[in-house]
Amino acid sequence: MVKLKSTVKISANEEGALLLDTKRGTYWHLNAVGIRLAEALDVERSVDELVLTVTTDFDVPPDVARRDVRKLLRDMKKARLVEGRIA
């Protein structure tokens, strides 16, 4: 289960969205899929739940969605934007 850290805020614009870590002052730019995942991470979610979100909201095969969700979560974890275990 993984979720956004409480210090991370989402700011949407016409070109996507930014995740801002208010504690560290760092930010990430996200595309439409990344925005949807970030919004879903307001509460703890499993990788399976996030994959279902992507496959439901976008025209993406489950295996591609799983690979991409796990990669994004690992990258976000490395950037200290999310907390929890990516399983």
PDB file of N, CA and C in Angstrom:
ATOM      1  N   MET A   1       0.850  -1.183   0.000  1.00  0.00           N
ATOM      2  CA  MET A   1       0.000   0.000   0.000  1.00  0.00           C
ATOM      3  C   MET A   1       0.891   1.240   0.000  1.00  0.00           C
ATOM      4  N   VAL A   2       0.500   2.188  -0.819  1.00  0.00           N
ATOM      5  CA  VAL A   2       1.294   3.401  -0.995  1.00  0.00           C
ATOM      6  C   VAL A   2       0.359   4.604  -1.093  1.00  0.00           C
ATOM      7  N   LYS A   3       0.841   5.775  -0.676  1.00  0.00           N
ATOM      8  CA  LYS A   3       0.065   7.002  -0.808  1.00  0.00           C
ATOM      9  C   LYS A   3       1.017   8.186  -0.873  1.00  0.00           C
ATOM     10  N   LEU A   4       0.476   9.329  -1.326  1.00  0.00           N
ATOM     11  CA  LEU A   4       1.268  10.549  -1.346  1.00  0.00           C
ATOM     12  C   LEU A   4       1.600  10.958   0.081  1.00  0.00           C
ATOM     13  N   LYS A   5       2.786  11.502   0.272  1.00  0.00           N
ATOM     14  CA  LYS A   5       3.128  12.048   1.586  1.00  0.00           C
ATOM     15  C   LYS A   5       2.238  13.249   1.860  1.00  0.00           C
ATOM     16  N   SER A   6       1.991  13.508   3.111  1.00  0.00           N
ATOM     17  CA  SER A   6       1.097  14.608   3.485  1.00  0.00           C
ATOM     18  C   SER A   6       1.656  15.973   3.090  1.00  0.00           C
ATOM     19  N   THR A   7       2.948  16.060   2.865  1.00  0.00           N
ATOM     20  CA  THR A   7       3.571  17.328   2.475  1.00  0.00           C
ATOM     21  C   THR A   7       3.515  17.576   0.969  1.00  0.00           C
ATOM     22  N   VAL A   8       2.954  16.628   0.208  1.00  0.00           N
ATOM     23  CA  VAL A   8       2.896  16.744  -1.253  1.00  0.00           C
ATOM     24  C   VAL A   8       1.508  17.238  -1.671  1.00  0.00           C
ATOM     25  N   LYS A   9       1.517  18.301  -2.453  1.00  0.00           N
ATOM     26  CA  LYS A   9       0.273  18.905  -2.953  1.00  0.00           C
ATOM     27  C   LYS A   9       0.245  18.818  -4.472  1.00  0.00           C
ATOM     28  N   ILE A  10      -0.965  18.735  -5.051  1.00  0.00           N
ATOM     29  CA  ILE A  10      -1.151  18.673  -6.494  1.00  0.00           C
ATOM     30  C   ILE A  10      -1.660  20.025  -6.982  1.00  0.00           C
ATOM     31  N   SER A  11      -1.023  20.529  -8.027  1.00  0.00           N
ATOM     32  CA  SER A  11      -1.461  21.770  -8.655  1.00  0.00           C
ATOM     33  C   SER A  11      -1.625  21.509 -10.147  1.00  0.00           C
ATOM     34  N   ALA A  12      -2.877  21.521 -10.630  1.00  0.00           N
ATOM     35  CA  ALA A  12      -3.157  21.209 -12.035  1.00  0.00           C
ATOM     36  C   ALA A  12      -3.112  22.473 -12.882  1.00  0.00           C
ATOM     37  N   ASN A  13      -2.716  22.287 -14.157  1.00  0.00           N
ATOM     38  CA  ASN A  13      -2.754  23.358 -15.142  1.00  0.00           C
ATOM     39  C   ASN A  13      -3.144  22.766 -16.494  1.00  0.00           C
ATOM     40  N   GLU A  14      -3.138  23.570 -17.552  1.00  0.00           N
ATOM     41  CA  GLU A  14      -3.573  23.109 -18.869  1.00  0.00           C
ATOM     42  C   GLU A  14      -2.666  22.024 -19.448  1.00  0.00           C
ATOM     43  N   GLU A  15      -1.408  22.013 -19.061  1.00  0.00           N
ATOM     44  CA  GLU A  15      -0.431  21.093 -19.634  1.00  0.00           C
ATOM     45  C   GLU A  15      -0.190  19.850 -18.787  1.00  0.00           C
ATOM     46  N   GLY A  16      -0.887  19.717 -17.704  1.00  0.00           N
ATOM     47  CA  GLY A  16      -0.681  18.583 -16.809  1.00  0.00           C
ATOM     48  C   GLY A  16      -0.850  19.037 -15.379  1.00  0.00           C
ATOM     49  N   ALA A  17       0.055  18.595 -14.547  1.00  0.00           N
ATOM     50  CA  ALA A  17      -0.011  18.992 -13.145  1.00  0.00           C
ATOM     51  C   ALA A  17       1.379  18.927 -12.544  1.00  0.00           C
ATOM     52  N   LEU A  18       1.506  19.603 -11.429  1.00  0.00           N
ATOM     53  CA  LEU A  18       2.736  19.563 -10.663  1.00  0.00           C
ATOM     54  C   LEU A  18       2.446  18.929  -9.314  1.00  0.00           C
ATOM     55  N   LEU A  19       3.380  18.111  -8.865  1.00  0.00           N
ATOM     56  CA  LEU A  19       3.372  17.650  -7.485  1.00  0.00           C
ATOM     57  C   LEU A  19       4.402  18.491  -6.775  1.00  0.00           C
ATOM     58  N   LEU A  20       4.013  19.159  -5.723  1.00  0.00           N
ATOM     59  CA  LEU A  20       4.913  20.019  -4.970  1.00  0.00           C
ATOM     60  C   LEU A  20       5.102  19.451  -3.576  1.00  0.00           C
ATOM     61  N   ASP A  21       6.352  19.180  -3.235  1.00  0.00           N
ATOM     62  CA  ASP A  21       6.678  18.755  -1.872  1.00  0.00           C
ATOM     63  C   ASP A  21       6.924  20.028  -1.078  1.00  0.00           C
ATOM     64  N   THR A  22       5.944  20.420  -0.280  1.00  0.00           N
ATOM     65  CA  THR A  22       6.009  21.687   0.444  1.00  0.00           C
ATOM     66  C   THR A  22       7.093  21.688   1.515  1.00  0.00           C
ATOM     67  N   LYS A  23       7.505  20.531   1.968  1.00  0.00           N
ATOM     68  CA  LYS A  23       8.550  20.451   2.990  1.00  0.00           C
ATOM     69  C   LYS A  23       9.932  20.676   2.379  1.00  0.00           C
ATOM     70  N   ARG A  24      10.171  20.064   1.220  1.00  0.00           N
ATOM     71  CA  ARG A  24      11.496  20.133   0.608  1.00  0.00           C
ATOM     72  C   ARG A  24      11.585  21.168  -0.509  1.00  0.00           C
ATOM     73  N   GLY A  25      10.450  21.667  -0.992  1.00  0.00           N
ATOM     74  CA  GLY A  25      10.458  22.663  -2.046  1.00  0.00           C
ATOM     75  C   GLY A  25      10.766  22.096  -3.425  1.00  0.00           C
ATOM     76  N   THR A  26      10.559  20.804  -3.618  1.00  0.00           N
ATOM     77  CA  THR A  26      10.800  20.182  -4.916  1.00  0.00           C
ATOM     78  C   THR A  26       9.470  19.916  -5.601  1.00  0.00           C
ATOM     79  N   TYR A  27       9.516  19.796  -6.940  1.00  0.00           N
ATOM     80  CA  TYR A  27       8.286  19.517  -7.668  1.00  0.00           C
ATOM     81  C   TYR A  27       8.536  18.584  -8.834  1.00  0.00           C
ATOM     82  N   TRP A  28       7.445  17.945  -9.276  1.00  0.00           N
ATOM     83  CA  TRP A  28       7.436  17.034 -10.420  1.00  0.00           C
ATOM     84  C   TRP A  28       6.331  17.447 -11.361  1.00  0.00           C
ATOM     85  N   HIS A  29       6.569  17.359 -12.647  1.00  0.00           N
ATOM     86  CA  HIS A  29       5.524  17.595 -13.638  1.00  0.00           C
ATOM     87  C   HIS A  29       4.957  16.242 -14.061  1.00  0.00           C
ATOM     88  N   LEU A  30       3.628  16.139 -14.152  1.00  0.00           N
ATOM     89  CA  LEU A  30       2.967  14.884 -14.513  1.00  0.00           C
ATOM     90  C   LEU A  30       2.086  15.055 -15.739  1.00  0.00           C
ATOM     91  N   ASN A  31       1.958  13.968 -16.522  1.00  0.00           N
ATOM     92  CA  ASN A  31       1.011  13.942 -17.630  1.00  0.00           C
ATOM     93  C   ASN A  31      -0.357  13.507 -17.100  1.00  0.00           C
ATOM     94  N   ALA A  32      -1.314  13.294 -17.994  1.00  0.00           N
ATOM     95  CA  ALA A  32      -2.691  12.967 -17.586  1.00  0.00           C
ATOM     96  C   ALA A  32      -2.765  11.685 -16.761  1.00  0.00           C
ATOM     97  N   VAL A  33      -2.025  10.658 -17.150  1.00  0.00           N
ATOM     98  CA  VAL A  33      -2.049   9.398 -16.392  1.00  0.00           C
ATOM     99  C   VAL A  33      -1.425   9.611 -15.016  1.00  0.00           C
ATOM    100  N   GLY A  34      -0.312  10.309 -14.970  1.00  0.00           N
ATOM    101  CA  GLY A  34       0.336  10.598 -13.691  1.00  0.00           C
ATOM    102  C   GLY A  34      -0.549  11.394 -12.758  1.00  0.00           C
ATOM    103  N   ILE A  35      -1.293  12.345 -13.330  1.00  0.00           N
ATOM    104  CA  ILE A  35      -2.229  13.136 -12.524  1.00  0.00           C
ATOM    105  C   ILE A  35      -3.280  12.226 -11.908  1.00  0.00           C
ATOM    106  N   ARG A  36      -3.843  11.348 -12.725  1.00  0.00           N
ATOM    107  CA  ARG A  36      -4.894  10.438 -12.229  1.00  0.00           C
ATOM    108  C   ARG A  36      -4.363   9.562 -11.100  1.00  0.00           C
ATOM    109  N   LEU A  37      -3.131   9.064 -11.253  1.00  0.00           N
ATOM    110  CA  LEU A  37      -2.542   8.240 -10.192  1.00  0.00           C
ATOM    111  C   LEU A  37      -2.299   9.063  -8.930  1.00  0.00           C
ATOM    112  N   ALA A  38      -1.774  10.255  -9.081  1.00  0.00           N
ATOM    113  CA  ALA A  38      -1.521  11.117  -7.922  1.00  0.00           C
ATOM    114  C   ALA A  38      -2.821  11.410  -7.178  1.00  0.00           C
ATOM    115  N   GLU A  39      -3.887  11.698  -7.945  1.00  0.00           N
ATOM    116  CA  GLU A  39      -5.184  11.947  -7.312  1.00  0.00           C
ATOM    117  C   GLU A  39      -5.677  10.717  -6.559  1.00  0.00           C
ATOM    118  N   ALA A  40      -5.436   9.543  -7.121  1.00  0.00           N
ATOM    119  CA  ALA A  40      -5.868   8.299  -6.470  1.00  0.00           C
ATOM    120  C   ALA A  40      -5.060   8.011  -5.211  1.00  0.00           C
ATOM    121  N   LEU A  41      -3.861   8.586  -5.115  1.00  0.00           N
ATOM    122  CA  LEU A  41      -2.984   8.317  -3.970  1.00  0.00           C
ATOM    123  C   LEU A  41      -3.252   9.233  -2.782  1.00  0.00           C
ATOM    124  N   ASP A  42      -4.420   9.877  -2.765  1.00  0.00           N
ATOM    125  CA  ASP A  42      -4.778  10.678  -1.598  1.00  0.00           C
ATOM    126  C   ASP A  42      -5.018   9.790  -0.378  1.00  0.00           C
ATOM    127  N   VAL A  43      -5.316   8.525  -0.631  1.00  0.00           N
ATOM    128  CA  VAL A  43      -5.415   7.508   0.423  1.00  0.00           C
ATOM    129  C   VAL A  43      -4.548   6.325  -0.001  1.00  0.00           C
ATOM    130  N   GLU A  44      -4.237   5.458   0.934  1.00  0.00           N
ATOM    131  CA  GLU A  44      -3.405   4.305   0.599  1.00  0.00           C
ATOM    132  C   GLU A  44      -4.086   3.430  -0.450  1.00  0.00           C
ATOM    133  N   ARG A  45      -3.320   3.046  -1.438  1.00  0.00           N
ATOM    134  CA  ARG A  45      -3.816   2.182  -2.508  1.00  0.00           C
ATOM    135  C   ARG A  45      -2.775   1.110  -2.796  1.00  0.00           C
ATOM    136  N   SER A  46      -3.253  -0.020  -3.276  1.00  0.00           N
ATOM    137  CA  SER A  46      -2.346  -1.076  -3.714  1.00  0.00           C
ATOM    138  C   SER A  46      -2.008  -0.847  -5.184  1.00  0.00           C
ATOM    139  N   VAL A  47      -0.952  -1.495  -5.647  1.00  0.00           N
ATOM    140  CA  VAL A  47      -0.606  -1.435  -7.068  1.00  0.00           C
ATOM    141  C   VAL A  47      -1.775  -1.941  -7.905  1.00  0.00           C
ATOM    142  N   ASP A  48      -2.428  -3.013  -7.470  1.00  0.00           N
ATOM    143  CA  ASP A  48      -3.574  -3.560  -8.214  1.00  0.00           C
ATOM    144  C   ASP A  48      -4.691  -2.527  -8.364  1.00  0.00           C
ATOM    145  N   GLU A  49      -4.970  -1.775  -7.306  1.00  0.00           N
ATOM    146  CA  GLU A  49      -6.011  -0.741  -7.383  1.00  0.00           C
ATOM    147  C   GLU A  49      -5.618   0.351  -8.370  1.00  0.00           C
ATOM    148  N   LEU A  50      -4.353   0.732  -8.367  1.00  0.00           N
ATOM    149  CA  LEU A  50      -3.889   1.768  -9.276  1.00  0.00           C
ATOM    150  C   LEU A  50      -3.894   1.294 -10.721  1.00  0.00           C
ATOM    151  N   VAL A  51      -3.534   0.045 -10.949  1.00  0.00           N
ATOM    152  CA  VAL A  51      -3.590  -0.531 -12.296  1.00  0.00           C
ATOM    153  C   VAL A  51      -5.035  -0.525 -12.787  1.00  0.00           C
ATOM    154  N   LEU A  52      -5.966  -0.899 -11.945  1.00  0.00           N
ATOM    155  CA  LEU A  52      -7.379  -0.880 -12.315  1.00  0.00           C
ATOM    156  C   LEU A  52      -7.828   0.537 -12.666  1.00  0.00           C
ATOM    157  N   THR A  53      -7.380   1.517 -11.923  1.00  0.00           N
ATOM    158  CA  THR A  53      -7.699   2.911 -12.220  1.00  0.00           C
ATOM    159  C   THR A  53      -7.217   3.288 -13.616  1.00  0.00           C
ATOM    160  N   VAL A  54      -5.986   2.920 -13.940  1.00  0.00           N
ATOM    161  CA  VAL A  54      -5.418   3.269 -15.247  1.00  0.00           C
ATOM    162  C   VAL A  54      -6.139   2.539 -16.371  1.00  0.00           C
ATOM    163  N   THR A  55      -6.383   1.251 -16.213  1.00  0.00           N
ATOM    164  CA  THR A  55      -7.033   0.493 -17.286  1.00  0.00           C
ATOM    165  C   THR A  55      -8.494   0.899 -17.469  1.00  0.00           C
ATOM    166  N   THR A  56      -9.131   1.381 -16.416  1.00  0.00           N
ATOM    167  CA  THR A  56     -10.511   1.841 -16.499  1.00  0.00           C
ATOM    168  C   THR A  56     -10.609   3.221 -17.146  1.00  0.00           C
ATOM    169  N   ASP A  57      -9.695   4.114 -16.768  1.00  0.00           N
ATOM    170  CA  ASP A  57      -9.762   5.504 -17.224  1.00  0.00           C
ATOM    171  C   ASP A  57      -9.062   5.756 -18.567  1.00  0.00           C
ATOM    172  N   PHE A  58      -8.146   4.877 -18.949  1.00  0.00           N
ATOM    173  CA  PHE A  58      -7.369   5.066 -20.170  1.00  0.00           C
ATOM    174  C   PHE A  58      -7.377   3.763 -20.970  1.00  0.00           C
ATOM    175  N   ASP A  59      -7.128   3.855 -22.241  1.00  0.00           N
ATOM    176  CA  ASP A  59      -7.110   2.682 -23.109  1.00  0.00           C
ATOM    177  C   ASP A  59      -5.714   2.055 -23.069  1.00  0.00           C
ATOM    178  N   VAL A  60      -5.447   1.325 -21.978  1.00  0.00           N
ATOM    179  CA  VAL A  60      -4.126   0.740 -21.746  1.00  0.00           C
ATOM    180  C   VAL A  60      -4.299  -0.724 -21.351  1.00  0.00           C
ATOM    181  N   PRO A  61      -3.558  -1.629 -21.978  1.00  0.00           N
ATOM    182  CA  PRO A  61      -3.622  -3.040 -21.574  1.00  0.00           C
ATOM    183  C   PRO A  61      -3.104  -3.217 -20.140  1.00  0.00           C
ATOM    184  N   PRO A  62      -3.661  -4.168 -19.399  1.00  0.00           N
ATOM    185  CA  PRO A  62      -3.268  -4.361 -18.004  1.00  0.00           C
ATOM    186  C   PRO A  62      -1.773  -4.571 -17.790  1.00  0.00           C
ATOM    187  N   ASP A  63      -1.101  -5.318 -18.663  1.00  0.00           N
ATOM    188  CA  ASP A  63       0.330  -5.568 -18.458  1.00  0.00           C
ATOM    189  C   ASP A  63       1.145  -4.288 -18.636  1.00  0.00           C
ATOM    190  N   VAL A  64       0.758  -3.449 -19.572  1.00  0.00           N
ATOM    191  CA  VAL A  64       1.444  -2.171 -19.775  1.00  0.00           C
ATOM    192  C   VAL A  64       1.168  -1.240 -18.593  1.00  0.00           C
ATOM    193  N   ALA A  65      -0.092  -1.204 -18.155  1.00  0.00           N
ATOM    194  CA  ALA A  65      -0.460  -0.365 -17.015  1.00  0.00           C
ATOM    195  C   ALA A  65       0.314  -0.777 -15.772  1.00  0.00           C
ATOM    196  N   ARG A  66       0.424  -2.072 -15.503  1.00  0.00           N
ATOM    197  CA  ARG A  66       1.140  -2.554 -14.321  1.00  0.00           C
ATOM    198  C   ARG A  66       2.611  -2.132 -14.371  1.00  0.00           C
ATOM    199  N   ARG A  67       3.242  -2.331 -15.520  1.00  0.00           N
ATOM    200  CA  ARG A  67       4.652  -1.955 -15.665  1.00  0.00           C
ATOM    201  C   ARG A  67       4.843  -0.456 -15.428  1.00  0.00           C
ATOM    202  N   ASP A  68       3.991   0.347 -16.059  1.00  0.00           N
ATOM    203  CA  ASP A  68       4.132   1.797 -15.962  1.00  0.00           C
ATOM    204  C   ASP A  68       3.793   2.322 -14.566  1.00  0.00           C
ATOM    205  N   VAL A  69       2.767   1.767 -13.942  1.00  0.00           N
ATOM    206  CA  VAL A  69       2.394   2.181 -12.580  1.00  0.00           C
ATOM    207  C   VAL A  69       3.536   1.869 -11.622  1.00  0.00           C
ATOM    208  N   ARG A  70       4.090   0.676 -11.703  1.00  0.00           N
ATOM    209  CA  ARG A  70       5.189   0.305 -10.807  1.00  0.00           C
ATOM    210  C   ARG A  70       6.410   1.203 -11.028  1.00  0.00           C
ATOM    211  N   LYS A  71       6.715   1.525 -12.282  1.00  0.00           N
ATOM    212  CA  LYS A  71       7.854   2.393 -12.551  1.00  0.00           C
ATOM    213  C   LYS A  71       7.619   3.786 -11.979  1.00  0.00           C
ATOM    214  N   LEU A  72       6.436   4.349 -12.217  1.00  0.00           N
ATOM    215  CA  LEU A  72       6.137   5.674 -11.689  1.00  0.00           C
ATOM    216  C   LEU A  72       6.204   5.677 -10.166  1.00  0.00           C
ATOM    217  N   LEU A  73       5.648   4.658  -9.532  1.00  0.00           N
ATOM    218  CA  LEU A  73       5.681   4.598  -8.069  1.00  0.00           C
ATOM    219  C   LEU A  73       7.109   4.486  -7.541  1.00  0.00           C
ATOM    220  N   ARG A  74       7.931   3.673  -8.206  1.00  0.00           N
ATOM    221  CA  ARG A  74       9.339   3.562  -7.783  1.00  0.00           C
ATOM    222  C   ARG A  74      10.053   4.907  -7.922  1.00  0.00           C
ATOM    223  N   ASP A  75       9.802   5.598  -9.026  1.00  0.00           N
ATOM    224  CA  ASP A  75      10.412   6.909  -9.236  1.00  0.00           C
ATOM    225  C   ASP A  75       9.925   7.917  -8.192  1.00  0.00           C
ATOM    226  N   MET A  76       8.631   7.882  -7.899  1.00  0.00           N
ATOM    227  CA  MET A  76       8.076   8.791  -6.894  1.00  0.00           C
ATOM    228  C   MET A  76       8.610   8.463  -5.500  1.00  0.00           C
ATOM    229  N   LYS A  77       8.805   7.186  -5.232  1.00  0.00           N
ATOM    230  CA  LYS A  77       9.369   6.774  -3.943  1.00  0.00           C
ATOM    231  C   LYS A  77      10.808   7.283  -3.819  1.00  0.00           C
ATOM    232  N   LYS A  78      11.569   7.129  -4.887  1.00  0.00           N
ATOM    233  CA  LYS A  78      12.954   7.598  -4.898  1.00  0.00           C
ATOM    234  C   LYS A  78      13.013   9.119  -4.676  1.00  0.00           C
ATOM    235  N   ALA A  79      12.046   9.840  -5.216  1.00  0.00           N
ATOM    236  CA  ALA A  79      11.965  11.290  -5.055  1.00  0.00           C
ATOM    237  C   ALA A  79      11.324  11.693  -3.729  1.00  0.00           C
ATOM    238  N   ARG A  80      10.951  10.715  -2.932  1.00  0.00           N
ATOM    239  CA  ARG A  80      10.344  10.918  -1.607  1.00  0.00           C
ATOM    240  C   ARG A  80       9.010  11.669  -1.671  1.00  0.00           C
ATOM    241  N   LEU A  81       8.207  11.338  -2.697  1.00  0.00           N
ATOM    242  CA  LEU A  81       6.886  11.922  -2.837  1.00  0.00           C
ATOM    243  C   LEU A  81       5.790  11.031  -2.295  1.00  0.00           C
ATOM    244  N   VAL A  82       6.073   9.724  -2.199  1.00  0.00           N
ATOM    245  CA  VAL A  82       5.099   8.767  -1.668  1.00  0.00           C
ATOM    246  C   VAL A  82       5.712   8.009  -0.511  1.00  0.00           C
ATOM    247  N   GLU A  83       4.814   7.413   0.256  1.00  0.00           N
ATOM    248  CA  GLU A  83       5.255   6.587   1.371  1.00  0.00           C
ATOM    249  C   GLU A  83       4.507   5.270   1.328  1.00  0.00           C
ATOM    250  N   GLY A  84       5.090   4.257   1.902  1.00  0.00           N
ATOM    251  CA  GLY A  84       4.474   2.947   1.921  1.00  0.00           C
ATOM    252  C   GLY A  84       5.284   1.966   1.116  1.00  0.00           C
ATOM    253  N   ARG A  85       4.741   0.783   0.979  1.00  0.00           N
ATOM    254  CA  ARG A  85       5.422  -0.316   0.295  1.00  0.00           C
ATOM    255  C   ARG A  85       4.798  -0.548  -1.068  1.00  0.00           C
ATOM    256  N   ILE A  86       5.642  -0.588  -2.080  1.00  0.00           N
ATOM    257  CA  ILE A  86       5.181  -0.857  -3.442  1.00  0.00           C
ATOM    258  C   ILE A  86       5.312  -2.339  -3.676  1.00  0.00           C
ATOM    259  N   ALA A  87       4.180  -3.027  -3.691  1.00  0.00           N
ATOM    260  CA  ALA A  87       4.208  -4.490  -3.839  1.00  0.00           C
ATOM    261  C   ALA A  87       3.506  -4.917  -5.099  1.00  0.00           C
TER     262      ALA A  87
END
